[in-house]
C-alpha atoms as a PDB file:
ATOM      1  CA  MET A   1     -89.164  87.955  90.484  1.00  0.00           C
ATOM      2  CA  PRO A   2     -89.130  90.760  93.153  1.00  0.00           C
ATOM      3  CA  ARG A   3     -91.777  90.519  95.883  1.00  0.00           C
ATOM      4  CA  ASN A   4     -93.564  93.749  94.841  1.00  0.00           C
ATOM      5  CA  ALA A   5     -93.959  92.396  91.276  1.00  0.00           C
ATOM      6  CA  LEU A   6     -95.668  89.232  92.489  1.00  0.00           C
ATOM      7  CA  PRO A   7     -99.499  89.104  92.470  1.00  0.00           C
ATOM      8  CA  TYR A   8    -101.254  89.223  95.846  1.00  0.00           C
ATOM      9  CA  VAL A   9    -102.686  85.888  96.946  1.00  0.00           C
ATOM     10  CA  ASP A  10    -104.007  86.450 100.466  1.00  0.00           C
ATOM     11  CA  ASP A  11    -103.212  87.500 104.001  1.00  0.00           C
ATOM     12  CA  HIS A  12    -104.067  86.085 107.412  1.00  0.00           C
ATOM     13  CA  THR A  13    -103.849  87.795 110.791  1.00  0.00           C
ATOM     14  CA  THR A  14    -103.889  86.725 114.419  1.00  0.00           C
ATOM     15  CA  VAL A  15    -103.746  88.702 117.684  1.00  0.00           C
ATOM     16  CA  VAL A  16    -101.109  87.423 120.067  1.00  0.00           C
ATOM     17  CA  ALA A  17    -100.975  88.087 123.826  1.00  0.00           C
ATOM     18  CA  ALA A  18     -97.222  88.783 123.765  1.00  0.00           C
ATOM     19  CA  ALA A  19     -94.822  91.624 123.111  1.00  0.00           C
ATOM     20  CA  PRO A  20     -93.208  91.898 119.681  1.00  0.00           C
ATOM     21  CA  ASP A  21     -89.821  90.642 120.897  1.00  0.00           C
ATOM     22  CA  VAL A  22     -91.381  87.410 122.246  1.00  0.00           C
ATOM     23  CA  LEU A  23     -93.485  87.043 119.092  1.00  0.00           C
ATOM     24  CA  TRP A  24     -90.411  87.566 116.855  1.00  0.00           C
ATOM     25  CA  ARG A  25     -88.525  84.766 118.677  1.00  0.00           C
ATOM     26  CA  ALA A  26     -91.564  82.453 118.455  1.00  0.00           C
ATOM     27  CA  LEU A  27     -91.898  83.107 114.702  1.00  0.00           C
ATOM     28  CA  GLY A  28     -88.277  82.127 114.073  1.00  0.00           C
ATOM     29  CA  GLU A  29     -88.512  79.028 116.283  1.00  0.00           C
ATOM     30  CA  VAL A  30     -91.746  77.770 114.650  1.00  0.00           C
ATOM     31  CA  LEU A  31     -90.449  78.418 111.125  1.00  0.00           C
ATOM     32  CA  ASP A  32     -87.240  76.599 111.935  1.00  0.00           C
ATOM     33  CA  ARG A  33     -89.062  73.655 113.470  1.00  0.00           C
ATOM     34  CA  SER A  34     -91.479  73.444 110.489  1.00  0.00           C
ATOM     35  CA  GLY A  35     -88.572  73.547 108.038  1.00  0.00           C
ATOM     36  CA  ALA A  36     -86.726  70.825 109.893  1.00  0.00           C
ATOM     37  CA  ARG A  37     -89.480  68.259 109.321  1.00  0.00           C
ATOM     38  CA  PRO A  38     -88.592  65.532 106.784  1.00  0.00           C
ATOM     39  CA  GLY A  39     -91.707  66.410 104.783  1.00  0.00           C
ATOM     40  CA  ALA A  40     -90.523  69.979 104.292  1.00  0.00           C
ATOM     41  CA  THR A  41     -87.130  69.000 102.819  1.00  0.00           C
ATOM     42  CA  GLY A  42     -88.674  66.219 100.751  1.00  0.00           C
ATOM     43  CA  TYR A  43     -91.304  68.500  99.300  1.00  0.00           C
ATOM     44  CA  ALA A  44     -88.647  71.160  98.558  1.00  0.00           C
ATOM     45  CA  ARG A  45     -86.687  68.573  96.591  1.00  0.00           C
ATOM     46  CA  LEU A  46     -89.789  67.178  94.844  1.00  0.00           C
ATOM     47  CA  VAL A  47     -90.923  70.503  93.381  1.00  0.00           C
ATOM     48  CA  GLY A  48     -87.403  71.745  92.747  1.00  0.00           C
ATOM     49  CA  CYS A  49     -87.177  74.559  95.276  1.00  0.00           C
ATOM     50  CA  THR A  50     -84.116  76.805  95.013  1.00  0.00           C
ATOM     51  CA  ASP A  51     -83.665  76.592  98.806  1.00  0.00           C
ATOM     52  CA  ARG A  52     -83.737  73.022 100.071  1.00  0.00           C
ATOM     53  CA  ALA A  53     -82.134  73.243 103.521  1.00  0.00           C
ATOM     54  CA  ALA A  54     -81.910  75.379 106.617  1.00  0.00           C
ATOM     55  CA  THR A  55     -78.732  77.508 106.377  1.00  0.00           C
ATOM     56  CA  GLY A  56     -77.357  80.822 107.534  1.00  0.00           C
ATOM     57  CA  PRO A  57     -77.660  82.714 110.775  1.00  0.00           C
ATOM     58  CA  ARG A  58     -80.268  82.290 113.506  1.00  0.00           C
ATOM     59  CA  PRO A  59     -82.189  84.309 114.552  1.00  0.00           C
ATOM     60  CA  PHE A  60     -83.126  84.973 110.925  1.00  0.00           C
ATOM     61  CA  ALA A  61     -81.153  87.587 108.986  1.00  0.00           C
ATOM     62  CA  THR A  62     -80.731  88.406 105.324  1.00  0.00           C
ATOM     63  CA  GLY A  63     -79.213  85.291 103.765  1.00  0.00           C
ATOM     64  CA  SER A  64     -80.773  82.740 106.126  1.00  0.00           C
ATOM     65  CA  ALA A  65     -82.741  79.966 104.484  1.00  0.00           C
ATOM     66  CA  LEU A  66     -85.096  77.165 105.256  1.00  0.00           C
ATOM     67  CA  PRO A  67     -86.613  74.618 102.857  1.00  0.00           C
ATOM     68  CA  GLY A  68     -88.533  76.521 100.190  1.00  0.00           C
ATOM     69  CA  PHE A  69     -87.532  80.013 101.353  1.00  0.00           C
ATOM     70  CA  HIS A  70     -84.663  82.440 101.842  1.00  0.00           C
ATOM     71  CA  VAL A  71     -84.744  85.575 103.975  1.00  0.00           C
ATOM     72  CA  VAL A  72     -84.554  88.738 101.892  1.00  0.00           C
ATOM     73  CA  SER A  73     -85.236  91.130 104.820  1.00  0.00           C
ATOM     74  CA  ALA A  74     -85.399  90.718 108.568  1.00  0.00           C
ATOM     75  CA  LEU A  75     -86.339  93.686 110.649  1.00  0.00           C
ATOM     76  CA  PRO A  76     -86.491  92.183 114.210  1.00  0.00           C
ATOM     77  CA  GLU A  77     -89.829  92.578 115.921  1.00  0.00           C
ATOM     78  CA  ARG A  78     -91.322  94.200 112.822  1.00  0.00           C
ATOM     79  CA  GLU A  79     -91.036  92.318 109.545  1.00  0.00           C
ATOM     80  CA  LEU A  80     -89.687  89.101 108.053  1.00  0.00           C
ATOM     81  CA  VAL A  81     -89.675  88.735 104.246  1.00  0.00           C
ATOM     82  CA  LEU A  82     -89.188  85.274 102.781  1.00  0.00           C
ATOM     83  CA  GLU A  83     -88.950  84.513  99.080  1.00  0.00           C
ATOM     84  CA  GLY A  84     -88.658  81.310  97.152  1.00  0.00           C
ATOM     85  CA  GLY A  85     -89.300  79.556  93.926  1.00  0.00           C
ATOM     86  CA  HIS A  86     -89.664  76.177  92.273  1.00  0.00           C
ATOM     87  CA  ARG A  87     -90.780  74.678  88.953  1.00  0.00           C
ATOM     88  CA  PHE A  88     -94.369  75.868  89.360  1.00  0.00           C
ATOM     89  CA  SER A  89     -94.215  79.166  91.246  1.00  0.00           C
ATOM     90  CA  SER A  90     -92.233  82.165  92.443  1.00  0.00           C
ATOM     91  CA  TYR A  91     -93.504  83.450  95.801  1.00  0.00           C
ATOM     92  CA  ALA A  92     -93.011  85.650  98.814  1.00  0.00           C
ATOM     93  CA  LEU A  93     -94.268  85.336 102.376  1.00  0.00           C
ATOM     94  CA  VAL A  94     -94.153  88.538 104.408  1.00  0.00           C
ATOM     95  CA  PHE A  95     -94.730  88.399 108.178  1.00  0.00           C
ATOM     96  CA  ARG A  96     -95.555  91.694 109.833  1.00  0.00           C
ATOM     97  CA  ILE A  97     -95.669  92.347 113.602  1.00  0.00           C
ATOM     98  CA  GLU A  98     -97.470  95.351 115.056  1.00  0.00           C
ATOM     99  CA  ARG A  99     -97.768  96.250 118.721  1.00  0.00           C
ATOM    100  CA  THR A 100    -101.288  97.090 119.937  1.00  0.00           C
ATOM    101  CA  ASP A 101    -102.226  99.555 122.631  1.00  0.00           C
ATOM    102  CA  ARG A 102    -103.469  96.632 124.794  1.00  0.00           C
ATOM    103  CA  GLY A 103    -100.016  95.081 125.218  1.00  0.00           C
ATOM    104  CA  CYS A 104    -100.615  92.485 122.550  1.00  0.00           C
ATOM    105  CA  SER A 105     -99.202  92.137 119.065  1.00  0.00           C
ATOM    106  CA  VAL A 106    -100.749  91.526 115.693  1.00  0.00           C
ATOM    107  CA  LEU A 107     -99.054  89.033 113.391  1.00  0.00           C
ATOM    108  CA  THR A 108    -100.007  89.132 109.692  1.00  0.00           C
ATOM    109  CA  ALA A 109     -98.771  86.749 106.976  1.00  0.00           C
ATOM    110  CA  GLU A 110     -99.170  88.055 103.426  1.00  0.00           C
ATOM    111  CA  THR A 111     -98.603  85.743 100.474  1.00  0.00           C
ATOM    112  CA  ARG A 112     -97.689  86.870  96.967  1.00  0.00           C
ATOM    113  CA  ALA A 113     -97.060  84.407  94.118  1.00  0.00           C
ATOM    114  CA  ALA A 114     -96.912  83.911  90.439  1.00  0.00           C
ATOM    115  CA  PHE A 115     -97.797  80.600  88.810  1.00  0.00           C
ATOM    116  CA  PRO A 116     -96.497  80.699  85.208  1.00  0.00           C
ATOM    117  CA  GLY A 117     -97.681  78.357  82.473  1.00  0.00           C
ATOM    118  CA  ALA A 118    -100.140  75.519  82.411  1.00  0.00           C
ATOM    119  CA  ALA A 119     -98.305  73.584  85.113  1.00  0.00           C
ATOM    120  CA  GLY A 120     -98.287  76.646  87.322  1.00  0.00           C
ATOM    121  CA  GLY A 121    -102.032  77.072  86.856  1.00  0.00           C
ATOM    122  CA  VAL A 122    -102.645  73.458  87.840  1.00  0.00           C
ATOM    123  CA  TYR A 123    -100.369  73.897  90.881  1.00  0.00           C
ATOM    124  CA  ARG A 124    -102.220  77.110  91.893  1.00  0.00           C
ATOM    125  CA  ARG A 125    -105.587  75.246  91.716  1.00  0.00           C
ATOM    126  CA  LEU A 126    -104.178  72.412  93.838  1.00  0.00           C
ATOM    127  CA  VAL A 127    -102.513  74.619  96.499  1.00  0.00           C
ATOM    128  CA  VAL A 128    -104.584  77.822  96.569  1.00  0.00           C
ATOM    129  CA  GLY A 129    -107.860  76.744  94.988  1.00  0.00           C
ATOM    130  CA  THR A 130    -108.386  73.845  97.360  1.00  0.00           C
ATOM    131  CA  GLY A 131    -107.872  76.051 100.427  1.00  0.00           C
ATOM    132  CA  ALA A 132    -104.719  74.062 101.383  1.00  0.00           C
ATOM    133  CA  HIS A 133    -102.485  77.186 101.414  1.00  0.00           C
ATOM    134  CA  ALA A 134    -104.934  79.166 103.607  1.00  0.00           C
ATOM    135  CA  TRP A 135    -105.283  76.236 105.995  1.00  0.00           C
ATOM    136  CA  ALA A 136    -101.496  75.797 106.245  1.00  0.00           C
ATOM    137  CA  THR A 137    -100.957  79.564 106.806  1.00  0.00           C
ATOM    138  CA  ARG A 138    -103.605  79.782 109.502  1.00  0.00           C
ATOM    139  CA  ARG A 139    -102.129  76.707 111.221  1.00  0.00           C
ATOM    140  CA  LEU A 140     -98.685  78.231 111.120  1.00  0.00           C
ATOM    141  CA  LEU A 141     -99.925  81.528 112.602  1.00  0.00           C
ATOM    142  CA  ALA A 142    -101.775  79.601 115.374  1.00  0.00           C
ATOM    143  CA  SER A 143     -98.554  77.709 116.183  1.00  0.00           C
ATOM    144  CA  VAL A 144     -96.621  80.900 116.376  1.00  0.00           C
ATOM    145  CA  ARG A 145     -99.349  82.465 118.586  1.00  0.00           C
ATOM    146  CA  ARG A 146     -99.375  79.481 120.954  1.00  0.00           C
ATOM    147  CA  ARG A 147     -95.570  79.478 121.154  1.00  0.00           C
ATOM    148  CA  ALA A 148     -95.398  83.206 121.863  1.00  0.00           C
ATOM    149  CA  GLU A 149     -98.111  83.088 124.436  1.00  0.00           C
ATOM    150  CA  ARG A 150     -96.361  80.229 126.278  1.00  0.00           C
ATOM    151  CA  GLY A 151     -93.142  82.216 126.176  1.00  0.00           C
ATOM    152  CA  THR A 152     -90.965  79.105 126.822  1.00  0.00           C
ATOM    153  CA  GLY A 153     -90.872  75.489 125.864  1.00  0.00           C
ATOM    154  CA  PRO A 154     -90.699  73.679 122.540  1.00  0.00           C
ATOM    155  CA  ALA A 155     -92.271  75.137 119.471  1.00  0.00           C
ATOM    156  CA  THR A 156     -95.096  73.213 117.797  1.00  0.00           C
ATOM    157  CA  ALA A 157     -96.508  73.571 114.300  1.00  0.00           C
END
């Protein structure tokens, strides 16, 4: 299902004391590190994700993938659009980067998803209804912010 056809779930935003190019690099590094964890690949297999492994070019470009997601659009320093699907949901995660007039950047993560059928409804309640999705998204954004503000060193999620 195309991203624009998916229902809006939520969005989360953080201000980052880094330029868009540094933030873009940090976003890719944190996503790659998160996707490389055994839990990410195991979960992707468990729920039947279409994308189960990190593949394709780095930095991210159209066709790159990580467990649970594939890149449908990568506009460096501006926008990264990830889509995915599994037995219980079709979803998109859109990261937007905006430069502020104070030399900082704003990073926003917007989630869109459909949860078809009874099993999808249960999955939505477990993931979105409990706040787990919001917590994980805020944690991811905080990791990207810390990585970008450090500018060098290993990414953490």
